[in-house]
N, C-alpha and C. Protein backbone atom coordinates (compact mmCIF):
# COMPACT_ATOMS: atom_id res chain seq x y z
N SER A 1 -2.22 -18.63 25.02
CA SER A 1 -2.62 -18.80 24.28
C SER A 1 -1.24 -19.48 23.51
N LEU A 2 -1.23 -20.43 22.02
CA LEU A 2 0.20 -20.52 21.17
C LEU A 2 0.72 -19.23 20.82
N ASN A 3 0.46 -18.06 20.47
CA ASN A 3 0.36 -16.82 19.66
C ASN A 3 1.30 -16.64 20.77
N ASN A 4 0.96 -16.27 22.21
CA ASN A 4 1.55 -15.65 23.20
C ASN A 4 3.50 -16.44 22.94
N LEU A 5 3.18 -17.72 23.08
CA LEU A 5 4.37 -18.35 23.47
C LEU A 5 5.05 -17.97 22.20
N PHE A 6 4.76 -18.46 20.70
CA PHE A 6 5.32 -17.72 20.07
C PHE A 6 6.21 -16.05 19.74
N ILE A 7 5.37 -15.52 20.29
CA ILE A 7 6.19 -14.33 20.65
C ILE A 7 7.20 -13.73 21.58
N ILE A 8 7.08 -14.73 22.75
CA ILE A 8 7.83 -15.31 23.71
C ILE A 8 9.18 -15.83 23.52
N GLU A 9 9.23 -16.16 22.37
CA GLU A 9 10.08 -17.11 21.99
C GLU A 9 10.81 -16.58 20.82
N GLU A 10 10.06 -15.79 20.07
CA GLU A 10 10.26 -13.95 19.66
C GLU A 10 10.84 -15.20 18.22
N ASP A 11 9.95 -15.98 17.49
CA ASP A 11 9.46 -17.24 16.42
C ASP A 11 8.27 -16.56 15.33
N TYR A 12 8.61 -15.05 14.71
CA TYR A 12 7.52 -14.69 13.89
C TYR A 12 7.15 -15.77 12.52
N GLN A 13 7.72 -16.65 12.26
CA GLN A 13 7.75 -17.59 11.10
C GLN A 13 6.38 -18.56 11.43
N ALA A 14 6.20 -18.50 12.91
CA ALA A 14 5.73 -19.76 13.63
C ALA A 14 4.50 -19.07 13.92
N LEU A 15 4.23 -17.43 14.71
CA LEU A 15 3.05 -16.46 14.66
C LEU A 15 2.59 -16.45 13.16
N ARG A 16 3.14 -16.23 12.24
CA ARG A 16 2.18 -15.55 10.99
C ARG A 16 1.48 -17.38 10.35
N THR A 17 2.28 -17.72 10.80
CA THR A 17 1.46 -19.95 10.29
C THR A 17 0.52 -19.77 11.06
N SER A 18 0.34 -19.33 12.62
CA SER A 18 -0.91 -19.61 13.67
C SER A 18 -1.62 -18.81 12.72
N ILE A 19 -1.32 -17.08 12.84
CA ILE A 19 -2.40 -15.92 12.20
C ILE A 19 -3.24 -16.58 11.28
N ASP A 20 -2.51 -17.37 10.45
CA ASP A 20 -2.90 -17.38 8.59
C ASP A 20 -4.25 -19.04 9.26
N ALA A 21 -3.20 -19.75 9.96
CA ALA A 21 -4.63 -20.73 9.85
C ALA A 21 -5.62 -20.41 11.42
N TYR A 22 -5.79 -19.69 12.13
CA TYR A 22 -6.49 -19.68 13.11
C TYR A 22 -6.86 -18.85 13.23
N ASP A 23 -8.37 -18.66 13.17
CA ASP A 23 -9.11 -16.73 13.71
C ASP A 23 -9.72 -17.10 15.00
N ASN A 24 -9.49 -17.43 15.58
CA ASN A 24 -9.96 -17.32 17.18
C ASN A 24 -9.25 -16.83 18.11
N PHE A 25 -8.84 -15.86 17.78
CA PHE A 25 -7.86 -14.81 18.71
C PHE A 25 -8.34 -13.54 18.26
N ASP A 26 -8.12 -13.26 19.00
CA ASP A 26 -8.71 -11.60 19.45
C ASP A 26 -7.42 -10.43 18.73
N ASN A 27 -7.75 -10.47 17.16
CA ASN A 27 -7.03 -9.70 16.18
C ASN A 27 -6.39 -8.08 16.42
N ILE A 28 -7.31 -7.72 16.75
CA ILE A 28 -7.01 -6.35 17.36
C ILE A 28 -6.08 -6.16 18.74
N SER A 29 -5.83 -6.57 19.29
CA SER A 29 -5.56 -6.72 20.69
C SER A 29 -4.04 -7.05 20.52
N LEU A 30 -3.67 -8.33 19.91
CA LEU A 30 -1.93 -8.57 19.02
C LEU A 30 -2.19 -7.93 18.39
N ALA A 31 -2.34 -7.01 17.19
CA ALA A 31 -2.06 -6.16 16.42
C ALA A 31 -1.27 -4.88 17.51
N GLN A 32 -2.34 -4.90 18.77
CA GLN A 32 -2.23 -3.64 19.17
C GLN A 32 -0.45 -4.35 20.31
N ARG A 33 -0.16 -5.07 20.18
CA ARG A 33 0.86 -5.61 21.48
C ARG A 33 1.99 -5.55 20.55
N LEU A 34 2.05 -6.11 19.05
CA LEU A 34 2.66 -6.82 18.33
C LEU A 34 2.73 -5.10 17.73
N GLU A 35 2.26 -4.39 17.57
CA GLU A 35 2.70 -2.89 17.12
C GLU A 35 3.93 -2.07 17.61
N LYS A 36 3.92 -2.44 18.93
CA LYS A 36 5.02 -2.35 20.14
C LYS A 36 6.57 -3.18 20.19
N HIS A 37 6.36 -4.06 19.52
CA HIS A 37 7.71 -5.06 19.55
C HIS A 37 8.22 -4.36 19.23
N GLU A 38 9.80 -4.74 19.38
CA GLU A 38 11.31 -4.04 19.45
C GLU A 38 11.48 -5.14 17.82
N LEU A 39 11.40 -6.34 17.40
CA LEU A 39 11.76 -7.02 16.39
C LEU A 39 10.54 -6.31 15.21
N ILE A 40 11.53 -5.86 14.07
CA ILE A 40 10.20 -5.44 12.67
C ILE A 40 9.58 -6.40 12.11
N GLU A 41 9.87 -7.74 12.54
CA GLU A 41 8.66 -8.99 11.85
C GLU A 41 7.87 -8.80 12.51
N PHE A 42 7.90 -8.29 14.17
CA PHE A 42 6.19 -8.90 14.57
C PHE A 42 5.39 -7.02 14.35
N ARG A 43 6.46 -5.96 14.43
CA ARG A 43 5.93 -5.06 13.77
C ARG A 43 5.11 -5.24 12.58
N ARG A 44 6.12 -5.52 11.44
CA ARG A 44 5.31 -6.34 10.53
C ARG A 44 3.70 -6.99 10.51
N ILE A 45 4.23 -8.23 11.27
CA ILE A 45 3.01 -9.25 11.44
C ILE A 45 0.89 -7.96 11.79
N ALA A 46 2.41 -7.24 12.61
CA ALA A 46 0.91 -6.08 13.29
C ALA A 46 -0.34 -5.61 12.18
N ALA A 47 1.02 -5.08 11.09
CA ALA A 47 0.57 -4.11 9.77
C ALA A 47 -0.44 -5.04 9.42
N TYR A 48 0.12 -6.66 8.95
CA TYR A 48 -0.80 -7.61 8.43
C TYR A 48 -1.63 -7.60 9.08
N LEU A 49 -2.04 -7.82 10.33
CA LEU A 49 -3.39 -8.33 11.24
C LEU A 49 -4.49 -6.65 11.32
N PHE A 50 -3.81 -5.34 11.03
CA PHE A 50 -4.51 -4.14 10.55
C PHE A 50 -5.37 -4.24 9.80
N LYS A 51 -4.44 -4.78 8.16
CA LYS A 51 -4.84 -5.00 7.41
C LYS A 51 -6.39 -5.89 7.06
N GLY A 52 -5.80 -7.20 8.03
CA GLY A 52 -7.01 -8.21 8.00
C GLY A 52 -8.04 -7.47 8.11
N ASN A 53 -8.19 -6.75 9.24
CA ASN A 53 -9.29 -6.22 9.67
C ASN A 53 -9.88 -4.66 9.73
N ASN A 54 -9.92 -4.23 8.29
CA ASN A 54 -10.04 -3.36 7.23
C ASN A 54 -9.33 -1.64 7.87
N ARG A 55 -8.32 -1.78 9.21
CA ARG A 55 -7.80 -0.63 9.71
C ARG A 55 -6.48 -0.26 8.75
N TRP A 56 -7.38 -0.12 7.26
CA TRP A 56 -5.88 0.05 6.25
C TRP A 56 -5.10 1.26 6.72
N LYS A 57 -5.59 2.41 7.04
CA LYS A 57 -4.93 3.44 7.25
C LYS A 57 -3.83 3.28 8.47
N GLN A 58 -3.97 2.78 9.42
CA GLN A 58 -3.19 2.18 10.63
C GLN A 58 -2.09 1.57 9.86
N SER A 59 -2.51 0.41 9.39
CA SER A 59 -1.57 -0.46 8.87
C SER A 59 -0.90 0.34 7.47
N VAL A 60 -1.20 1.06 6.80
CA VAL A 60 0.01 1.78 6.21
C VAL A 60 0.69 2.60 6.81
N GLU A 61 0.21 3.10 7.92
CA GLU A 61 0.91 4.02 8.66
C GLU A 61 2.45 3.67 9.67
N LEU A 62 2.20 2.03 10.22
CA LEU A 62 3.09 1.18 10.43
C LEU A 62 3.95 0.67 9.67
N CYS A 63 3.63 0.50 8.76
CA CYS A 63 4.85 0.02 6.89
C CYS A 63 5.85 1.05 7.02
N LYS A 64 5.26 2.50 7.17
CA LYS A 64 5.86 3.82 6.72
C LYS A 64 7.09 3.73 7.74
N LYS A 65 6.40 4.07 9.26
CA LYS A 65 7.37 3.61 10.43
C LYS A 65 8.61 2.97 10.37
N ASP A 66 8.32 1.83 9.69
CA ASP A 66 9.44 0.76 9.76
C ASP A 66 9.73 0.45 8.29
N ARG A 67 9.65 1.55 7.32
CA ARG A 67 10.25 1.72 5.87
C ARG A 67 9.63 0.50 5.25
N LEU A 68 8.91 -0.12 6.06
CA LEU A 68 8.61 -1.30 4.67
C LEU A 68 7.51 -0.98 3.34
N TYR A 69 8.50 -0.27 2.59
CA TYR A 69 7.78 0.81 1.74
C TYR A 69 7.12 -0.11 0.65
N LYS A 70 7.26 -1.21 0.67
CA LYS A 70 5.89 -2.60 -0.71
C LYS A 70 5.29 -3.00 -0.07
N ASP A 71 5.55 -3.11 1.62
CA ASP A 71 3.96 -3.27 2.05
C ASP A 71 3.05 -2.56 2.34
N ALA A 72 3.34 -1.47 2.67
CA ALA A 72 2.69 0.29 2.54
C ALA A 72 1.85 0.37 1.07
N MET A 73 2.69 0.23 -0.13
CA MET A 73 2.03 0.49 -1.02
C MET A 73 1.03 -1.03 -1.52
N GLN A 74 1.61 -1.67 -1.31
CA GLN A 74 0.45 -3.17 -1.60
C GLN A 74 -0.94 -3.03 -0.68
N TYR A 75 -0.41 -2.60 0.83
CA TYR A 75 -1.49 -2.33 1.69
C TYR A 75 -3.12 -1.16 1.10
N ALA A 76 -1.86 -0.13 0.31
CA ALA A 76 -2.76 0.91 0.24
C ALA A 76 -3.70 0.47 -1.25
N SER A 77 -2.78 -0.16 -2.10
CA SER A 77 -3.75 -0.70 -3.10
C SER A 77 -4.89 -1.55 -3.19
N GLU A 78 -4.72 -2.35 -1.60
CA GLU A 78 -5.98 -3.65 -1.25
C GLU A 78 -6.61 -2.45 -0.76
N SER A 79 -6.17 -1.41 -0.67
CA SER A 79 -7.13 -0.52 0.81
C SER A 79 -8.54 -0.30 -0.50
N LYS A 80 -8.25 -0.19 -1.81
CA LYS A 80 -9.13 0.44 -2.85
C LYS A 80 -10.00 1.95 -2.40
N ASP A 81 -8.90 2.91 -1.71
CA ASP A 81 -8.59 3.78 -1.00
C ASP A 81 -8.06 5.00 -1.74
N THR A 82 -8.59 5.49 -2.76
CA THR A 82 -7.86 6.53 -3.39
C THR A 82 -7.11 8.13 -2.74
N GLU A 83 -8.01 8.03 -1.44
CA GLU A 83 -7.35 9.16 -0.43
C GLU A 83 -5.96 8.64 0.31
N LEU A 84 -6.17 7.16 0.69
CA LEU A 84 -4.79 6.43 1.31
C LEU A 84 -3.88 6.50 0.51
N ALA A 85 -4.18 6.12 -0.51
CA ALA A 85 -3.04 5.77 -2.13
C ALA A 85 -2.41 7.18 -2.33
N GLU A 86 -3.41 8.35 -2.06
CA GLU A 86 -2.73 9.13 -2.51
C GLU A 86 -1.99 9.97 -1.34
N GLU A 87 -1.83 9.60 -0.47
CA GLU A 87 -1.39 10.77 0.48
C GLU A 87 -0.10 9.49 1.17
N LEU A 88 -0.52 8.49 0.78
CA LEU A 88 1.20 7.80 0.56
C LEU A 88 1.88 8.07 -0.80
N LEU A 89 1.09 8.99 -1.99
CA LEU A 89 2.64 9.38 -2.73
C LEU A 89 3.06 10.41 -2.42
N GLN A 90 2.30 11.38 -1.69
CA GLN A 90 2.77 12.98 -1.41
C GLN A 90 3.49 12.29 -0.04
N TRP A 91 3.79 11.64 0.89
CA TRP A 91 4.76 11.11 1.66
C TRP A 91 5.94 10.84 1.16
N PHE A 92 5.47 9.97 0.08
CA PHE A 92 7.15 9.72 -0.60
C PHE A 92 7.73 10.06 -1.36
N LEU A 93 6.87 11.46 -1.24
CA LEU A 93 7.76 12.86 -1.76
C LEU A 93 8.68 13.60 -0.99
N GLN A 94 7.55 13.71 0.16
CA GLN A 94 8.42 14.24 1.64
C GLN A 94 9.49 13.89 1.94
N GLU A 95 9.26 12.47 2.31
CA GLU A 95 10.56 11.48 2.42
C GLU A 95 11.22 11.64 1.56
N GLY A 96 11.67 12.38 0.32
CA GLY A 96 12.74 11.74 -0.97
C GLY A 96 12.74 11.08 -1.41
N LYS A 97 11.65 10.08 -1.50
CA LYS A 97 11.36 8.55 -2.29
C LYS A 97 10.60 9.11 -3.35
N GLN A 98 11.75 9.45 -4.57
CA GLN A 98 11.26 9.21 -5.59
C GLN A 98 11.27 8.12 -6.58
N GLU A 99 12.02 7.01 -6.50
CA GLU A 99 11.80 5.95 -7.03
C GLU A 99 10.44 5.18 -5.94
N CYS A 100 9.92 5.46 -5.59
CA CYS A 100 8.97 4.53 -4.41
C CYS A 100 7.63 5.56 -4.98
N PHE A 101 7.77 6.55 -5.24
CA PHE A 101 6.39 7.80 -5.90
C PHE A 101 6.74 6.64 -6.87
N GLY A 102 7.47 6.49 -7.55
CA GLY A 102 7.40 5.78 -9.14
C GLY A 102 6.64 4.66 -8.70
N ALA A 103 7.58 3.92 -8.13
CA ALA A 103 6.51 2.00 -7.74
C ALA A 103 4.92 2.37 -7.82
N CYS A 104 4.90 3.12 -6.48
CA CYS A 104 3.32 3.66 -5.88
C CYS A 104 2.69 3.94 -7.22
N LEU A 105 2.63 4.57 -8.50
CA LEU A 105 1.95 5.08 -9.08
C LEU A 105 1.34 3.72 -10.07
N PHE A 106 2.13 2.64 -9.79
CA PHE A 106 1.93 1.33 -10.81
C PHE A 106 1.69 0.16 -10.02
N THR A 107 1.80 0.21 -8.63
CA THR A 107 0.79 -0.57 -7.25
C THR A 107 -0.33 -0.08 -7.00
N CYS A 108 -0.64 1.15 -7.52
CA CYS A 108 -1.84 1.69 -7.13
C CYS A 108 -2.38 2.12 -8.31
N TYR A 109 -2.26 2.26 -9.00
CA TYR A 109 -2.55 2.64 -10.62
C TYR A 109 -4.13 2.98 -10.74
N ASP A 110 -4.55 1.46 -10.63
CA ASP A 110 -6.43 1.79 -10.27
C ASP A 110 -6.76 2.99 -9.69
N LEU A 111 -6.83 3.24 -8.69
CA LEU A 111 -6.87 4.20 -7.59
C LEU A 111 -6.21 5.50 -7.29
N LEU A 112 -5.45 5.85 -8.39
CA LEU A 112 -5.34 7.24 -8.19
C LEU A 112 -5.44 8.55 -9.58
N ARG A 113 -5.41 9.33 -8.93
CA ARG A 113 -6.42 10.29 -10.30
C ARG A 113 -5.12 10.64 -11.11
N PRO A 114 -5.22 10.44 -12.37
CA PRO A 114 -4.25 11.61 -13.19
C PRO A 114 -3.67 12.91 -13.32
N ASP A 115 -4.95 13.62 -12.42
CA ASP A 115 -5.06 15.00 -12.73
C ASP A 115 -3.79 15.07 -11.78
N VAL A 116 -4.59 14.58 -10.28
CA VAL A 116 -3.67 14.60 -9.10
C VAL A 116 -1.79 14.14 -9.44
N VAL A 117 -1.73 13.06 -10.27
CA VAL A 117 -0.13 12.90 -9.89
C VAL A 117 0.43 13.95 -11.14
N LEU A 118 -0.06 13.93 -11.89
CA LEU A 118 0.67 15.05 -13.15
C LEU A 118 0.62 16.52 -11.93
N GLU A 119 -0.19 16.72 -11.44
CA GLU A 119 -0.09 18.34 -10.61
C GLU A 119 0.96 17.62 -9.68
N THR A 120 0.74 16.56 -8.95
CA THR A 120 2.26 16.30 -7.91
C THR A 120 3.16 16.32 -8.16
N ALA A 121 3.73 15.12 -9.55
CA ALA A 121 4.73 15.11 -10.12
C ALA A 121 5.67 16.34 -10.81
N TRP A 122 4.72 17.73 -11.34
CA TRP A 122 4.75 18.71 -11.75
C TRP A 122 5.79 19.54 -10.96
N ARG A 123 4.48 19.53 -9.40
CA ARG A 123 4.93 20.35 -8.56
C ARG A 123 6.84 20.11 -7.25
N HIS A 124 6.54 18.92 -7.87
CA HIS A 124 7.85 18.46 -7.42
C HIS A 124 9.02 18.22 -8.18
N ASN A 125 9.07 18.67 -9.66
CA ASN A 125 9.81 18.36 -10.48
C ASN A 125 10.32 17.33 -10.79
N ILE A 126 8.93 15.98 -10.53
CA ILE A 126 9.94 14.69 -11.11
C ILE A 126 9.28 13.91 -11.94
N MET A 127 8.57 14.63 -13.11
CA MET A 127 7.49 13.75 -14.11
C MET A 127 8.65 12.88 -14.83
N ASP A 128 9.84 12.78 -14.88
CA ASP A 128 10.53 11.74 -15.26
C ASP A 128 9.74 10.45 -14.99
N PHE A 129 9.76 10.39 -13.48
CA PHE A 129 9.65 9.04 -12.44
C PHE A 129 7.91 9.12 -12.96
N ALA A 130 7.05 9.66 -13.24
CA ALA A 130 5.87 10.11 -13.42
C ALA A 130 5.32 9.90 -14.92
N MET A 131 6.50 10.09 -16.04
CA MET A 131 6.22 9.61 -17.49
C MET A 131 5.63 7.70 -18.10
N PRO A 132 5.91 7.09 -17.33
CA PRO A 132 5.80 5.92 -17.41
C PRO A 132 3.58 5.66 -17.34
N TYR A 133 4.08 6.56 -15.93
CA TYR A 133 2.63 6.28 -15.67
C TYR A 133 1.05 6.73 -17.00
N PHE A 134 2.44 8.09 -16.89
CA PHE A 134 1.02 8.95 -18.01
C PHE A 134 1.27 7.84 -19.19
N ILE A 135 1.91 7.31 -19.92
CA ILE A 135 2.27 6.93 -21.14
C ILE A 135 1.22 5.59 -20.94
N GLN A 136 0.93 4.79 -19.89
CA GLN A 136 -0.17 3.79 -19.93
C GLN A 136 -1.52 4.73 -19.56
N VAL A 137 -1.35 5.69 -18.93
CA VAL A 137 -3.04 6.02 -18.88
C VAL A 137 -3.58 6.81 -20.33
N MET A 138 -2.48 7.52 -20.95
CA MET A 138 -2.81 7.86 -22.23
C MET A 138 -3.10 6.67 -22.73
N LYS A 139 -2.78 5.58 -23.14
CA LYS A 139 -2.76 4.43 -24.15
C LYS A 139 -4.41 3.67 -23.72
N GLU A 140 -4.78 3.77 -22.37
CA GLU A 140 -5.99 3.24 -21.88
C GLU A 140 -6.88 4.53 -22.27
N TYR A 141 -6.73 5.86 -22.72
CA TYR A 141 -7.57 6.85 -22.99
C TYR A 141 -7.95 6.65 -24.49
N LEU A 142 -7.29 6.31 -25.00
CA LEU A 142 -6.71 6.12 -26.53
C LEU A 142 -7.88 5.26 -26.81
N SER A 143 -7.33 3.89 -26.25
CA SER A 143 -7.83 2.99 -26.38
C SER A 143 -9.70 2.61 -26.24
N LYS A 144 -10.23 3.66 -25.42
CA LYS A 144 -10.91 3.92 -24.98
C LYS A 144 -12.00 4.75 -26.07
N VAL A 145 -11.43 5.91 -26.30
CA VAL A 145 -11.68 6.87 -27.44
C VAL A 145 -12.00 5.79 -28.86
N ASP A 146 -11.22 5.16 -29.05
CA ASP A 146 -11.05 4.19 -30.68
C ASP A 146 -12.20 3.66 -30.16
N LYS A 147 -12.45 2.90 -29.02
CA LYS A 147 -13.75 1.71 -28.98
C LYS A 147 -15.18 2.89 -28.91
N LEU A 148 -14.67 4.07 -28.61
CA LEU A 148 -15.98 4.68 -28.96
C LEU A 148 -16.37 5.15 -30.17
N ASP A 149 -15.34 5.73 -31.03
CA ASP A 149 -15.81 5.89 -32.00
C ASP A 149 -15.88 4.83 -32.95
N ALA A 150 -15.42 3.33 -32.84
CA ALA A 150 -16.01 2.46 -33.88
C ALA A 150 -17.63 2.25 -33.57
N SER A 151 -17.70 2.29 -32.26
CA SER A 151 -19.09 1.66 -31.73
C SER A 151 -20.57 2.73 -32.56
N GLU A 152 -19.85 4.12 -33.12
CA GLU A 152 -20.05 4.99 -33.36
C GLU A 152 -20.63 5.22 -34.36
N SER A 153 -19.42 4.22 -35.40
CA SER A 153 -19.58 4.42 -36.95
C SER A 153 -20.32 2.89 -36.98
N LEU A 154 -20.53 2.33 -36.27
CA LEU A 154 -21.32 0.67 -36.90
C LEU A 154 -22.95 1.24 -37.41
C-alpha cells in the first residue's frame, strides 16, 4: 500500500498526511510496526495511531520511552483518565523531571485530584512547582463557594 511506500522511503510527513486523510487500513498493525521503527518520527506516528484507537496507555508509554513529553501530556489529557494522568505525574518525578511535572499539572489540570497532587508534591519536596496549580485550584474553589453564598442569600 501507499503507507508501506512512505515507510520504505522514510517519508514520515507523507505518512502522517496519508493517515489523517484515509482510514481504510489496519491502524493497530501499522502502529505496532511503526513503534519498532528506528526513526523517532515514525514511533511518534505509532503513538498517534494508538491514541486514535483509544489505546491511551500504550500511546503515553511510547511517548515516555522516546522522551516526547509534550505528546505524553497531551495524550494523557485527551484520554480523560485520571489514573493515567497521575501515573504520568509520578513518572516525571521518578525521572527527575520537575519542570515536566509542573507542565503536566496544567495540561492535565481537569483530571488531577488536588489531594493527590498535594501529597505527591510534598513528599518530593517540590511544592514550588505545584504552587501555581494550587493557586488556581483555590481560586476555582473560592469562586464556587462565593456563588453558593450568593445563591443562599437570595
